[in-house]
Amino acid sequence: MKLDLSPLLKLRQQPQRVLSKLEKSCYATVRHALDLSQFDVPRGDRHVEYDEHGNEKPSERPLADTGFLDGPEYRMDRRLSVTWVAGYAHHAAGAIHEGVHWDRDIVNPEPHFLRKAFRRSRSIGRKSVKAAIEQALKEMFPPK
């Protein structure tokens, strides 16, 4: 049996093309997880304070309003990859974030609201990444 390694070599020479397809799938997975986590984020009663003139004092944003997405981050060494991260930026909560890195958890944060959301989104992400890889391969290597 003879193995043709030229398609594999072609893929390794054009990593940005395939990674850009994966970027969209990873972004969609992280966005979905952040949206789901909004239902589990603790929400306290909003306490309003007033100054001596009866004006409402500016207060910090609640945790639920500090959600963010960060990415894409490309790794262009031998282990080619693309990463997206979602989290909450709140001074009282610290760095709460979790990400998708070729469908693998990057950080396991203490608060469970993000972990639950990513657990629910993971299967959707796997299917999306698989479809993106298949589509990229079809475009790069059309059937003969």
N, C-alpha and C. Protein backbone atom coordinates (compact mmCIF):
# COMPACT_ATOMS: atom_id res chain seq x y z
N MET A 1 0.85 -1.18 0.00
CA MET A 1 0.00 0.00 0.00
C MET A 1 0.89 1.24 0.00
N LYS A 2 0.55 2.18 -0.85
CA LYS A 2 1.32 3.41 -0.97
C LYS A 2 0.51 4.56 -0.37
N LEU A 3 1.16 5.34 0.47
CA LEU A 3 0.50 6.45 1.15
C LEU A 3 0.97 7.77 0.54
N ASP A 4 0.02 8.60 0.14
CA ASP A 4 0.34 9.91 -0.43
C ASP A 4 0.32 10.95 0.69
N LEU A 5 1.48 11.45 1.05
CA LEU A 5 1.59 12.42 2.15
C LEU A 5 1.50 13.87 1.67
N SER A 6 1.34 14.10 0.39
CA SER A 6 1.30 15.47 -0.11
C SER A 6 0.11 16.27 0.43
N PRO A 7 -1.10 15.69 0.59
CA PRO A 7 -2.18 16.49 1.20
C PRO A 7 -1.87 16.91 2.63
N LEU A 8 -1.25 16.03 3.40
CA LEU A 8 -0.89 16.37 4.78
C LEU A 8 0.14 17.49 4.80
N LEU A 9 1.10 17.42 3.91
CA LEU A 9 2.11 18.47 3.80
C LEU A 9 1.46 19.80 3.41
N LYS A 10 0.52 19.73 2.49
CA LYS A 10 -0.19 20.94 2.05
C LYS A 10 -0.95 21.57 3.23
N LEU A 11 -1.58 20.73 4.06
CA LEU A 11 -2.28 21.24 5.24
C LEU A 11 -1.32 21.93 6.20
N ARG A 12 -0.18 21.33 6.46
CA ARG A 12 0.80 21.89 7.39
C ARG A 12 1.39 23.19 6.87
N GLN A 13 1.39 23.39 5.55
CA GLN A 13 1.95 24.61 4.98
C GLN A 13 0.94 25.75 4.97
N GLN A 14 -0.36 25.45 5.18
CA GLN A 14 -1.40 26.47 5.16
C GLN A 14 -2.26 26.39 6.43
N PRO A 15 -1.66 26.46 7.60
CA PRO A 15 -2.44 26.27 8.83
C PRO A 15 -3.47 27.37 9.07
N GLN A 16 -3.15 28.58 8.68
CA GLN A 16 -4.06 29.70 8.94
C GLN A 16 -5.42 29.48 8.28
N ARG A 17 -5.42 28.86 7.14
CA ARG A 17 -6.66 28.62 6.40
C ARG A 17 -7.60 27.70 7.17
N VAL A 18 -7.07 26.61 7.73
CA VAL A 18 -7.88 25.67 8.49
C VAL A 18 -8.25 26.27 9.84
N LEU A 19 -7.30 26.92 10.49
CA LEU A 19 -7.57 27.51 11.80
C LEU A 19 -8.64 28.59 11.73
N SER A 20 -8.69 29.32 10.64
CA SER A 20 -9.73 30.36 10.52
C SER A 20 -11.12 29.73 10.47
N LYS A 21 -11.23 28.54 9.91
CA LYS A 21 -12.51 27.82 9.92
C LYS A 21 -12.86 27.36 11.33
N LEU A 22 -11.86 26.89 12.08
CA LEU A 22 -12.09 26.44 13.45
C LEU A 22 -12.42 27.60 14.37
N GLU A 23 -11.88 28.77 14.07
CA GLU A 23 -12.12 29.95 14.89
C GLU A 23 -13.61 30.24 15.01
N LYS A 24 -14.33 30.14 13.91
CA LYS A 24 -15.76 30.44 13.92
C LYS A 24 -16.52 29.44 14.80
N SER A 25 -16.14 28.17 14.72
CA SER A 25 -16.80 27.15 15.53
C SER A 25 -16.50 27.35 17.01
N CYS A 26 -15.26 27.64 17.33
CA CYS A 26 -14.88 27.87 18.73
C CYS A 26 -15.59 29.10 19.28
N TYR A 27 -15.65 30.16 18.47
CA TYR A 27 -16.36 31.37 18.90
C TYR A 27 -17.82 31.07 19.20
N ALA A 28 -18.48 30.34 18.31
CA ALA A 28 -19.90 30.01 18.50
C ALA A 28 -20.12 29.20 19.77
N THR A 29 -19.21 28.28 20.06
CA THR A 29 -19.32 27.46 21.26
C THR A 29 -19.17 28.31 22.52
N VAL A 30 -18.17 29.18 22.52
CA VAL A 30 -17.93 30.03 23.69
C VAL A 30 -19.07 31.02 23.88
N ARG A 31 -19.58 31.59 22.80
CA ARG A 31 -20.71 32.52 22.88
C ARG A 31 -21.94 31.82 23.46
N HIS A 32 -22.19 30.60 23.00
CA HIS A 32 -23.33 29.82 23.50
C HIS A 32 -23.17 29.54 24.99
N ALA A 33 -21.97 29.17 25.41
CA ALA A 33 -21.73 28.89 26.82
C ALA A 33 -21.91 30.15 27.67
N LEU A 34 -21.43 31.29 27.20
CA LEU A 34 -21.60 32.53 27.96
C LEU A 34 -23.07 32.89 28.08
N ASP A 35 -23.82 32.71 26.99
CA ASP A 35 -25.26 32.98 27.04
C ASP A 35 -25.96 32.07 28.03
N LEU A 36 -25.61 30.78 28.02
CA LEU A 36 -26.22 29.85 28.97
C LEU A 36 -25.85 30.18 30.40
N SER A 37 -24.62 30.62 30.62
CA SER A 37 -24.16 30.90 31.99
C SER A 37 -24.92 32.07 32.61
N GLN A 38 -25.48 32.94 31.79
CA GLN A 38 -26.23 34.08 32.33
C GLN A 38 -27.39 33.65 33.22
N PHE A 39 -27.93 32.46 32.95
CA PHE A 39 -29.05 31.97 33.77
C PHE A 39 -28.59 31.50 35.14
N ASP A 40 -27.32 31.14 35.27
CA ASP A 40 -26.80 30.61 36.53
C ASP A 40 -26.01 31.62 37.35
N VAL A 41 -25.74 32.78 36.79
CA VAL A 41 -24.94 33.78 37.50
C VAL A 41 -25.73 34.30 38.70
N PRO A 42 -25.09 34.31 39.87
CA PRO A 42 -25.80 34.83 41.05
C PRO A 42 -26.12 36.31 40.88
N ARG A 43 -27.32 36.66 41.23
CA ARG A 43 -27.76 38.06 41.13
C ARG A 43 -28.29 38.49 42.49
N GLY A 44 -27.59 39.41 43.10
CA GLY A 44 -28.03 39.91 44.40
C GLY A 44 -28.99 41.06 44.21
N ASP A 45 -29.58 41.48 45.30
CA ASP A 45 -30.45 42.66 45.24
C ASP A 45 -29.59 43.88 44.97
N ARG A 46 -30.07 44.72 44.10
CA ARG A 46 -29.33 45.94 43.77
C ARG A 46 -29.55 46.94 44.88
N HIS A 47 -28.48 47.29 45.53
CA HIS A 47 -28.54 48.25 46.62
C HIS A 47 -28.13 49.62 46.09
N VAL A 48 -29.02 50.58 46.19
CA VAL A 48 -28.75 51.92 45.69
C VAL A 48 -28.37 52.81 46.86
N GLU A 49 -27.25 53.53 46.70
CA GLU A 49 -26.82 54.49 47.72
C GLU A 49 -26.92 55.89 47.14
N TYR A 50 -27.21 56.85 48.03
CA TYR A 50 -27.39 58.25 47.60
C TYR A 50 -26.38 59.12 48.32
N ASP A 51 -25.93 60.18 47.63
CA ASP A 51 -25.02 61.12 48.28
C ASP A 51 -25.82 62.15 49.08
N GLU A 52 -25.12 63.12 49.62
CA GLU A 52 -25.78 64.11 50.50
C GLU A 52 -26.77 65.00 49.76
N HIS A 53 -26.72 65.04 48.43
CA HIS A 53 -27.65 65.84 47.64
C HIS A 53 -28.83 65.03 47.11
N GLY A 54 -28.88 63.76 47.48
CA GLY A 54 -29.99 62.91 47.03
C GLY A 54 -29.78 62.29 45.67
N ASN A 55 -28.57 62.44 45.12
CA ASN A 55 -28.26 61.83 43.82
C ASN A 55 -27.74 60.40 44.03
N GLU A 56 -28.10 59.54 43.09
CA GLU A 56 -27.65 58.15 43.17
C GLU A 56 -26.14 58.09 42.95
N LYS A 57 -25.45 57.41 43.87
CA LYS A 57 -24.00 57.25 43.74
C LYS A 57 -23.70 56.21 42.66
N PRO A 58 -22.64 56.45 41.91
CA PRO A 58 -22.28 55.42 40.92
C PRO A 58 -21.87 54.13 41.64
N SER A 59 -22.36 53.04 41.15
CA SER A 59 -22.01 51.77 41.78
C SER A 59 -21.35 50.87 40.75
N GLU A 60 -20.69 49.84 41.24
CA GLU A 60 -20.03 48.91 40.32
C GLU A 60 -21.07 48.08 39.58
N ARG A 61 -20.69 47.63 38.44
CA ARG A 61 -21.59 46.80 37.64
C ARG A 61 -21.75 45.44 38.32
N PRO A 62 -22.95 44.88 38.26
CA PRO A 62 -23.13 43.54 38.82
C PRO A 62 -22.37 42.50 38.01
N LEU A 63 -22.05 41.39 38.65
CA LEU A 63 -21.29 40.32 38.01
C LEU A 63 -21.90 39.91 36.68
N ALA A 64 -23.21 39.78 36.61
CA ALA A 64 -23.88 39.32 35.38
C ALA A 64 -23.63 40.25 34.20
N ASP A 65 -23.33 41.51 34.47
CA ASP A 65 -23.11 42.48 33.39
C ASP A 65 -21.65 42.57 32.94
N THR A 66 -20.79 41.74 33.50
CA THR A 66 -19.37 41.84 33.17
C THR A 66 -18.87 40.71 32.28
N GLY A 67 -19.79 40.00 31.62
CA GLY A 67 -19.39 38.90 30.74
C GLY A 67 -18.54 39.39 29.59
N PHE A 68 -17.57 38.57 29.18
CA PHE A 68 -16.71 38.94 28.06
C PHE A 68 -16.31 37.72 27.25
N LEU A 69 -15.92 37.97 26.02
CA LEU A 69 -15.34 36.97 25.12
C LEU A 69 -13.96 37.47 24.74
N ASP A 70 -12.99 36.57 24.66
CA ASP A 70 -11.64 36.97 24.30
C ASP A 70 -11.07 35.97 23.30
N GLY A 71 -10.54 36.47 22.22
CA GLY A 71 -9.95 35.59 21.23
C GLY A 71 -10.03 36.22 19.85
N PRO A 72 -9.65 35.57 18.86
CA PRO A 72 -9.00 34.26 18.89
C PRO A 72 -7.52 34.40 19.19
N GLU A 73 -6.99 33.39 19.82
CA GLU A 73 -5.55 33.32 20.07
C GLU A 73 -5.03 32.12 19.30
N TYR A 74 -4.08 32.37 18.41
CA TYR A 74 -3.53 31.31 17.57
C TYR A 74 -2.22 30.79 18.14
N ARG A 75 -2.04 29.53 18.05
CA ARG A 75 -0.77 28.90 18.40
C ARG A 75 -0.23 28.32 17.10
N MET A 76 0.86 28.89 16.59
CA MET A 76 1.35 28.52 15.27
C MET A 76 2.62 27.67 15.32
N ASP A 77 2.86 27.00 16.43
CA ASP A 77 4.01 26.12 16.49
C ASP A 77 3.62 24.74 15.96
N ARG A 78 4.32 23.71 16.36
CA ARG A 78 4.02 22.35 15.85
C ARG A 78 2.62 21.89 16.18
N ARG A 79 2.06 22.36 17.30
CA ARG A 79 0.75 21.90 17.76
C ARG A 79 -0.34 22.88 17.38
N LEU A 80 -0.44 23.30 16.19
CA LEU A 80 -1.38 24.30 15.69
C LEU A 80 -2.72 24.27 16.43
N SER A 81 -3.18 25.46 16.85
CA SER A 81 -4.47 25.53 17.52
C SER A 81 -5.00 26.95 17.52
N VAL A 82 -6.29 27.06 17.85
CA VAL A 82 -6.94 28.36 18.02
C VAL A 82 -7.76 28.29 19.31
N THR A 83 -7.79 29.40 20.05
CA THR A 83 -8.44 29.42 21.36
C THR A 83 -9.36 30.63 21.49
N TRP A 84 -10.54 30.42 22.06
CA TRP A 84 -11.46 31.48 22.47
C TRP A 84 -11.77 31.27 23.94
N VAL A 85 -11.96 32.36 24.68
CA VAL A 85 -12.23 32.29 26.12
C VAL A 85 -13.44 33.16 26.43
N ALA A 86 -14.28 32.69 27.37
CA ALA A 86 -15.40 33.47 27.88
C ALA A 86 -15.25 33.57 29.38
N GLY A 87 -15.77 34.64 29.94
CA GLY A 87 -15.68 34.78 31.39
C GLY A 87 -16.40 36.00 31.89
N TYR A 88 -16.13 36.31 33.14
CA TYR A 88 -16.71 37.47 33.80
C TYR A 88 -15.59 38.26 34.44
N ALA A 89 -15.59 39.58 34.23
CA ALA A 89 -14.55 40.45 34.76
C ALA A 89 -15.15 41.30 35.88
N HIS A 90 -15.05 40.79 37.09
CA HIS A 90 -15.61 41.50 38.24
C HIS A 90 -14.58 41.48 39.35
N HIS A 91 -14.30 42.63 39.94
CA HIS A 91 -13.21 42.70 40.92
C HIS A 91 -13.46 41.80 42.13
N ALA A 92 -14.71 41.60 42.50
CA ALA A 92 -15.01 40.76 43.66
C ALA A 92 -14.89 39.28 43.34
N ALA A 93 -15.01 38.93 42.07
CA ALA A 93 -14.99 37.52 41.69
C ALA A 93 -13.61 37.06 41.22
N GLY A 94 -12.73 37.98 40.91
CA GLY A 94 -11.43 37.58 40.39
C GLY A 94 -11.54 37.18 38.93
N ALA A 95 -10.59 36.43 38.48
CA ALA A 95 -10.57 36.01 37.07
C ALA A 95 -11.39 34.74 36.90
N ILE A 96 -12.61 34.89 36.48
CA ILE A 96 -13.48 33.75 36.23
C ILE A 96 -13.55 33.57 34.73
N HIS A 97 -12.97 32.50 34.23
CA HIS A 97 -13.03 32.27 32.79
C HIS A 97 -12.82 30.80 32.48
N GLU A 98 -13.28 30.43 31.32
CA GLU A 98 -13.12 29.08 30.80
C GLU A 98 -13.11 29.21 29.29
N GLY A 99 -12.42 28.31 28.62
CA GLY A 99 -12.31 28.47 27.18
C GLY A 99 -12.41 27.19 26.40
N VAL A 100 -12.45 27.36 25.11
CA VAL A 100 -12.47 26.24 24.18
C VAL A 100 -11.17 26.27 23.41
N HIS A 101 -10.44 25.19 23.48
CA HIS A 101 -9.16 25.07 22.81
C HIS A 101 -9.19 23.74 22.09
N TRP A 102 -9.66 23.75 20.89
CA TRP A 102 -9.88 22.52 20.14
C TRP A 102 -10.71 21.56 20.96
N ASP A 103 -11.76 22.10 21.59
CA ASP A 103 -12.74 21.31 22.33
C ASP A 103 -12.18 20.71 23.60
N ARG A 104 -11.29 21.45 24.28
CA ARG A 104 -10.72 20.97 25.53
C ARG A 104 -10.81 22.12 26.53
N ASP A 105 -11.14 21.82 27.78
CA ASP A 105 -11.19 22.86 28.80
C ASP A 105 -9.80 23.42 29.04
N ILE A 106 -9.73 24.73 29.23
CA ILE A 106 -8.45 25.36 29.55
C ILE A 106 -8.35 25.60 31.04
N VAL A 107 -9.39 26.12 31.61
CA VAL A 107 -9.38 26.45 33.03
C VAL A 107 -10.65 25.90 33.66
N ASN A 108 -10.55 25.34 34.82
CA ASN A 108 -11.73 24.90 35.56
C ASN A 108 -11.95 25.87 36.71
N PRO A 109 -12.79 26.85 36.51
CA PRO A 109 -12.97 27.87 37.54
C PRO A 109 -13.78 27.35 38.72
N GLU A 110 -13.66 28.00 39.83
CA GLU A 110 -14.41 27.61 41.02
C GLU A 110 -15.92 27.77 40.84
N PRO A 111 -16.41 28.94 40.36
CA PRO A 111 -17.86 29.08 40.23
C PRO A 111 -18.42 28.08 39.23
N HIS A 112 -19.51 27.45 39.60
CA HIS A 112 -20.06 26.39 38.76
C HIS A 112 -20.90 26.90 37.61
N PHE A 113 -21.29 28.17 37.61
CA PHE A 113 -22.18 28.63 36.53
C PHE A 113 -21.50 28.57 35.17
N LEU A 114 -20.21 28.82 35.08
CA LEU A 114 -19.52 28.69 33.79
C LEU A 114 -19.27 27.24 33.44
N ARG A 115 -18.91 26.43 34.43
CA ARG A 115 -18.62 25.02 34.16
C ARG A 115 -19.86 24.32 33.61
N LYS A 116 -21.02 24.59 34.21
CA LYS A 116 -22.26 23.98 33.74
C LYS A 116 -22.56 24.41 32.30
N ALA A 117 -22.39 25.69 32.03
CA ALA A 117 -22.67 26.21 30.69
C ALA A 117 -21.76 25.58 29.65
N PHE A 118 -20.47 25.44 29.98
CA PHE A 118 -19.55 24.84 29.02
C PHE A 118 -19.84 23.35 28.84
N ARG A 119 -20.27 22.68 29.88
CA ARG A 119 -20.62 21.28 29.75
C ARG A 119 -21.77 21.11 28.76
N ARG A 120 -22.74 22.01 28.83
CA ARG A 120 -23.89 21.95 27.91
C ARG A 120 -23.49 22.31 26.48
N SER A 121 -22.54 23.20 26.32
CA SER A 121 -22.16 23.68 24.99
C SER A 121 -21.13 22.79 24.31
N ARG A 122 -20.46 21.95 25.06
CA ARG A 122 -19.35 21.16 24.52
C ARG A 122 -19.76 20.27 23.35
N SER A 123 -20.90 19.59 23.46
CA SER A 123 -21.30 18.68 22.37
C SER A 123 -21.61 19.46 21.10
N ILE A 124 -22.22 20.62 21.25
CA ILE A 124 -22.49 21.47 20.09
C ILE A 124 -21.17 21.90 19.45
N GLY A 125 -20.22 22.24 20.29
CA GLY A 125 -18.91 22.66 19.79
C GLY A 125 -18.18 21.56 19.06
N ARG A 126 -18.24 20.35 19.57
CA ARG A 126 -17.58 19.22 18.91
C ARG A 126 -18.12 19.01 17.50
N LYS A 127 -19.44 19.05 17.39
CA LYS A 127 -20.06 18.86 16.07
C LYS A 127 -19.68 19.99 15.13
N SER A 128 -19.65 21.20 15.64
CA SER A 128 -19.33 22.36 14.83
C SER A 128 -17.87 22.31 14.36
N VAL A 129 -16.96 21.94 15.24
CA VAL A 129 -15.55 21.85 14.87
C VAL A 129 -15.36 20.75 13.83
N LYS A 130 -16.01 19.62 14.03
CA LYS A 130 -15.91 18.52 13.05
C LYS A 130 -16.38 18.98 11.67
N ALA A 131 -17.53 19.67 11.64
CA ALA A 131 -18.06 20.16 10.37
C ALA A 131 -17.12 21.17 9.72
N ALA A 132 -16.51 22.04 10.53
CA ALA A 132 -15.58 23.04 10.00
C ALA A 132 -14.35 22.38 9.41
N ILE A 133 -13.82 21.37 10.09
CA ILE A 133 -12.64 20.67 9.56
C ILE A 133 -12.99 19.95 8.26
N GLU A 134 -14.13 19.27 8.23
CA GLU A 134 -14.54 18.57 7.01
C GLU A 134 -14.71 19.54 5.84
N GLN A 135 -15.32 20.70 6.11
CA GLN A 135 -15.53 21.69 5.06
C GLN A 135 -14.20 22.24 4.55
N ALA A 136 -13.27 22.52 5.46
CA ALA A 136 -11.96 23.04 5.06
C ALA A 136 -11.22 22.01 4.21
N LEU A 137 -11.30 20.75 4.60
CA LEU A 137 -10.63 19.71 3.82
C LEU A 137 -11.26 19.55 2.43
N LYS A 138 -12.59 19.66 2.34
CA LYS A 138 -13.25 19.57 1.03
C LYS A 138 -12.83 20.70 0.12
N GLU A 139 -12.67 21.91 0.70
CA GLU A 139 -12.26 23.05 -0.10
C GLU A 139 -10.81 22.92 -0.57
N MET A 140 -9.96 22.43 0.32
CA MET A 140 -8.55 22.31 -0.02
C MET A 140 -8.27 21.12 -0.94
N PHE A 141 -9.02 20.06 -0.77
CA PHE A 141 -8.80 18.83 -1.55
C PHE A 141 -10.12 18.40 -2.20
N PRO A 142 -10.54 19.08 -3.26
CA PRO A 142 -11.79 18.71 -3.90
C PRO A 142 -11.73 17.27 -4.44
N PRO A 143 -12.88 16.57 -4.40
CA PRO A 143 -12.89 15.21 -4.93
C PRO A 143 -12.51 15.19 -6.42
N LYS A 144 -11.80 14.16 -6.79
CA LYS A 144 -11.33 14.05 -8.18
C LYS A 144 -12.38 13.46 -9.06
